[in-house]
Amino acid sequence: MNKPDKKRADQLKDQYVSLIDRHLQDLVHNKAEDMHEIEDFARQMFIHPIHLSNTIKAATGESACSIYQYKILAVAQQLLADPARSIRDISLTLTFEPSQFVKWFKRFTGLTPSQYRRLNRHPA
C-alpha cells in the first residue's frame, strides 16, 4: 500500500470505528433498536461492504467484523459493571436474545456474563 492509499485506509478505519462507537451508544441510550451490520456502516460511508472489509483488513490486520465484535464486547463489559442492570436487560439492549448473549459473551471472554460480573465487582 503506498502512502496515499495508507492514509485513505486509515481515514476509512477511523470513520468505521467512529460509526460503530456512535451506533453502540445509540443502542445503549435507546436511540436505536437494531444492531447494524457491516453493510449498514458501509452504506453510511458510501462504499461497498467488500471494499470496507478489505480496507479494514489491510489497515489493521483484523477483519471489520472482528473489530465490531470487540467493540460490542467492550460495551457489554461496561454495562456489566453496573450491578443495577440485569444481564437480560444488557442482552436486549445489545439486541441479543439472553441465551444467545451468554453464549456469545462466553465465546469471547471464556466467562459467562455472571462470572465476569462476579470477578470484576468493584468495591463500593
C-alpha atoms as a PDB file:
ATOM      1  CA  MET A   1       0.000   0.000   0.000  1.00  0.00           C
ATOM      2  CA  ASN A   2       1.533   3.325  -0.982  1.00  0.00           C
ATOM      3  CA  LYS A   3       1.331   6.385   1.278  1.00  0.00           C
ATOM      4  CA  PRO A   4      -1.858   7.994  -0.141  1.00  0.00           C
ATOM      5  CA  ASP A   5      -3.617   4.624  -0.068  1.00  0.00           C
ATOM      6  CA  LYS A   6      -2.483   4.012   3.516  1.00  0.00           C
ATOM      7  CA  LYS A   7      -3.710   7.455   4.552  1.00  0.00           C
ATOM      8  CA  ARG A   8      -7.105   6.784   2.964  1.00  0.00           C
ATOM      9  CA  ALA A   9      -7.264   3.349   4.590  1.00  0.00           C
ATOM     10  CA  ASP A  10      -6.568   4.911   7.981  1.00  0.00           C
ATOM     11  CA  GLN A  11      -9.290   7.503   7.346  1.00  0.00           C
ATOM     12  CA  LEU A  12     -11.799   4.770   6.478  1.00  0.00           C
ATOM     13  CA  LYS A  13     -10.798   2.764   9.546  1.00  0.00           C
ATOM     14  CA  ASP A  14     -11.210   5.807  11.791  1.00  0.00           C
ATOM     15  CA  GLN A  15     -14.587   6.614  10.247  1.00  0.00           C
ATOM     16  CA  TYR A  16     -15.711   2.989  10.637  1.00  0.00           C
ATOM     17  CA  VAL A  17     -14.691   2.863  14.305  1.00  0.00           C
ATOM     18  CA  SER A  18     -16.397   6.201  14.934  1.00  0.00           C
ATOM     19  CA  LEU A  19     -19.634   4.960  13.341  1.00  0.00           C
ATOM     20  CA  ILE A  20     -19.502   1.790  15.458  1.00  0.00           C
ATOM     21  CA  ASP A  21     -18.977   3.786  18.648  1.00  0.00           C
ATOM     22  CA  ARG A  22     -21.836   6.143  17.810  1.00  0.00           C
ATOM     23  CA  HIS A  23     -24.179   3.288  16.939  1.00  0.00           C
ATOM     24  CA  LEU A  24     -23.400   1.363  20.118  1.00  0.00           C
ATOM     25  CA  GLN A  25     -24.016   4.470  22.213  1.00  0.00           C
ATOM     26  CA  ASP A  26     -27.322   4.937  20.381  1.00  0.00           C
ATOM     27  CA  LEU A  27     -28.261   1.369  21.360  1.00  0.00           C
ATOM     28  CA  VAL A  28     -27.295   1.922  24.990  1.00  0.00           C
ATOM     29  CA  HIS A  29     -29.318   5.147  25.133  1.00  0.00           C
ATOM     30  CA  ASN A  30     -32.327   3.656  23.318  1.00  0.00           C
ATOM     31  CA  LYS A  31     -31.836   5.835  20.230  1.00  0.00           C
ATOM     32  CA  ALA A  32     -31.518   2.744  18.010  1.00  0.00           C
ATOM     33  CA  GLU A  33     -33.391  -0.544  18.100  1.00  0.00           C
ATOM     34  CA  ASP A  34     -31.453  -2.816  15.750  1.00  0.00           C
ATOM     35  CA  MET A  35     -27.818  -3.836  15.679  1.00  0.00           C
ATOM     36  CA  HIS A  36     -26.181  -2.605  12.482  1.00  0.00           C
ATOM     37  CA  GLU A  37     -24.460  -4.961  10.072  1.00  0.00           C
ATOM     38  CA  ILE A  38     -21.192  -4.218   8.269  1.00  0.00           C
ATOM     39  CA  GLU A  39     -23.304  -3.335   5.216  1.00  0.00           C
ATOM     40  CA  ASP A  40     -25.070  -0.601   7.183  1.00  0.00           C
ATOM     41  CA  PHE A  41     -21.783   1.058   8.096  1.00  0.00           C
ATOM     42  CA  ALA A  42     -20.518   0.747   4.514  1.00  0.00           C
ATOM     43  CA  ARG A  43     -23.713   2.383   3.258  1.00  0.00           C
ATOM     44  CA  GLN A  44     -23.206   5.282   5.683  1.00  0.00           C
ATOM     45  CA  MET A  45     -19.654   5.624   4.366  1.00  0.00           C
ATOM     46  CA  PHE A  46     -20.813   5.461   0.724  1.00  0.00           C
ATOM     47  CA  ILE A  47     -18.566   2.500  -0.053  1.00  0.00           C
ATOM     48  CA  HIS A  48     -19.145  -1.149  -0.921  1.00  0.00           C
ATOM     49  CA  PRO A  49     -19.119  -3.548   2.063  1.00  0.00           C
ATOM     50  CA  ILE A  50     -16.391  -5.674   0.453  1.00  0.00           C
ATOM     51  CA  HIS A  51     -14.243  -2.574  -0.033  1.00  0.00           C
ATOM     52  CA  LEU A  52     -14.789  -1.673   3.627  1.00  0.00           C
ATOM     53  CA  SER A  53     -13.866  -5.176   4.781  1.00  0.00           C
ATOM     54  CA  ASN A  54     -10.770  -5.376   2.570  1.00  0.00           C
ATOM     55  CA  THR A  55      -9.589  -1.912   3.575  1.00  0.00           C
ATOM     56  CA  ILE A  56     -10.051  -2.571   7.301  1.00  0.00           C
ATOM     57  CA  LYS A  57      -8.173  -5.874   6.996  1.00  0.00           C
ATOM     58  CA  ALA A  58      -5.318  -4.200   5.096  1.00  0.00           C
ATOM     59  CA  ALA A  59      -5.116  -1.280   7.545  1.00  0.00           C
ATOM     60  CA  THR A  60      -5.368  -3.222  10.809  1.00  0.00           C
ATOM     61  CA  GLY A  61      -4.731  -6.888  10.128  1.00  0.00           C
ATOM     62  CA  GLU A  62      -8.143  -7.592  11.661  1.00  0.00           C
ATOM     63  CA  SER A  63     -11.477  -8.147   9.972  1.00  0.00           C
ATOM     64  CA  ALA A  64     -14.150  -5.459  10.079  1.00  0.00           C
ATOM     65  CA  CYS A  65     -16.375  -7.979  11.848  1.00  0.00           C
ATOM     66  CA  SER A  66     -13.747  -8.701  14.497  1.00  0.00           C
ATOM     67  CA  ILE A  67     -13.323  -5.011  15.285  1.00  0.00           C
ATOM     68  CA  TYR A  68     -17.100  -4.643  15.557  1.00  0.00           C
ATOM     69  CA  GLN A  69     -17.436  -7.692  17.816  1.00  0.00           C
ATOM     70  CA  TYR A  70     -14.743  -6.439  20.191  1.00  0.00           C
ATOM     71  CA  LYS A  71     -16.364  -3.001  20.326  1.00  0.00           C
ATOM     72  CA  ILE A  72     -19.670  -4.669  21.247  1.00  0.00           C
ATOM     73  CA  LEU A  73     -17.824  -6.712  23.874  1.00  0.00           C
ATOM     74  CA  ALA A  74     -16.304  -3.573  25.403  1.00  0.00           C
ATOM     75  CA  VAL A  75     -19.768  -2.011  25.714  1.00  0.00           C
ATOM     76  CA  ALA A  76     -21.160  -5.233  27.213  1.00  0.00           C
ATOM     77  CA  GLN A  77     -18.363  -5.225  29.790  1.00  0.00           C
ATOM     78  CA  GLN A  78     -19.074  -1.578  30.658  1.00  0.00           C
ATOM     79  CA  LEU A  79     -22.769  -2.342  31.085  1.00  0.00           C
ATOM     80  CA  LEU A  80     -21.997  -5.387  33.242  1.00  0.00           C
ATOM     81  CA  ALA A  81     -20.082  -3.092  35.612  1.00  0.00           C
ATOM     82  CA  ASP A  82     -23.439  -1.575  36.608  1.00  0.00           C
ATOM     83  CA  PRO A  83     -24.987  -4.017  39.103  1.00  0.00           C
ATOM     84  CA  ALA A  84     -28.346  -2.279  38.727  1.00  0.00           C
ATOM     85  CA  ARG A  85     -28.616  -3.554  35.133  1.00  0.00           C
ATOM     86  CA  SER A  86     -29.729  -7.116  34.717  1.00  0.00           C
ATOM     87  CA  ILE A  87     -27.934  -9.387  32.289  1.00  0.00           C
ATOM     88  CA  ARG A  88     -31.250  -9.809  30.495  1.00  0.00           C
ATOM     89  CA  ASP A  89     -31.567  -6.035  30.092  1.00  0.00           C
ATOM     90  CA  ILE A  90     -27.990  -5.767  28.820  1.00  0.00           C
ATOM     91  CA  SER A  91     -28.533  -8.550  26.303  1.00  0.00           C
ATOM     92  CA  LEU A  92     -31.721  -6.950  24.991  1.00  0.00           C
ATOM     93  CA  THR A  93     -30.062  -3.522  24.850  1.00  0.00           C
ATOM     94  CA  LEU A  94     -27.394  -5.044  22.614  1.00  0.00           C
ATOM     95  CA  THR A  95     -30.134  -6.780  20.555  1.00  0.00           C
ATOM     96  CA  PHE A  96     -29.314 -10.321  21.688  1.00  0.00           C
ATOM     97  CA  GLU A  97     -31.693 -12.938  22.955  1.00  0.00           C
ATOM     98  CA  PRO A  98     -30.497 -13.502  26.556  1.00  0.00           C
ATOM     99  CA  SER A  99     -29.342 -17.103  25.985  1.00  0.00           C
ATOM    100  CA  GLN A 100     -27.500 -16.088  22.809  1.00  0.00           C
ATOM    101  CA  PHE A 101     -25.814 -13.226  24.661  1.00  0.00           C
ATOM    102  CA  VAL A 102     -24.480 -15.616  27.295  1.00  0.00           C
ATOM    103  CA  LYS A 103     -23.053 -17.939  24.612  1.00  0.00           C
ATOM    104  CA  TRP A 104     -21.613 -15.038  22.605  1.00  0.00           C
ATOM    105  CA  PHE A 105     -20.036 -13.409  25.661  1.00  0.00           C
ATOM    106  CA  LYS A 106     -18.519 -16.697  26.831  1.00  0.00           C
ATOM    107  CA  ARG A 107     -17.051 -17.348  23.372  1.00  0.00           C
ATOM    108  CA  PHE A 108     -15.134 -14.051  23.568  1.00  0.00           C
ATOM    109  CA  THR A 109     -14.167 -14.000  27.242  1.00  0.00           C
ATOM    110  CA  GLY A 110     -14.259 -17.604  28.428  1.00  0.00           C
ATOM    111  CA  LEU A 111     -16.712 -16.490  31.126  1.00  0.00           C
ATOM    112  CA  THR A 112     -20.453 -16.136  31.329  1.00  0.00           C
ATOM    113  CA  PRO A 113     -21.684 -12.590  31.969  1.00  0.00           C
ATOM    114  CA  SER A 114     -22.491 -13.586  35.579  1.00  0.00           C
ATOM    115  CA  GLN A 115     -18.989 -14.961  36.114  1.00  0.00           C
ATOM    116  CA  TYR A 116     -17.464 -11.861  34.524  1.00  0.00           C
ATOM    117  CA  ARG A 117     -19.568  -9.617  36.742  1.00  0.00           C
ATOM    118  CA  ARG A 118     -18.562 -11.518  39.905  1.00  0.00           C
ATOM    119  CA  LEU A 119     -14.854 -11.450  39.024  1.00  0.00           C
ATOM    120  CA  ASN A 120     -14.921  -7.756  38.141  1.00  0.00           C
ATOM    121  CA  ARG A 121     -17.023  -6.494  41.005  1.00  0.00           C
ATOM    122  CA  HIS A 122     -15.678  -3.189  42.289  1.00  0.00           C
ATOM    123  CA  PRO A 123     -15.958  -2.463  45.992  1.00  0.00           C
ATOM    124  CA  ALA A 124     -18.385   0.337  46.767  1.00  0.00           C
END
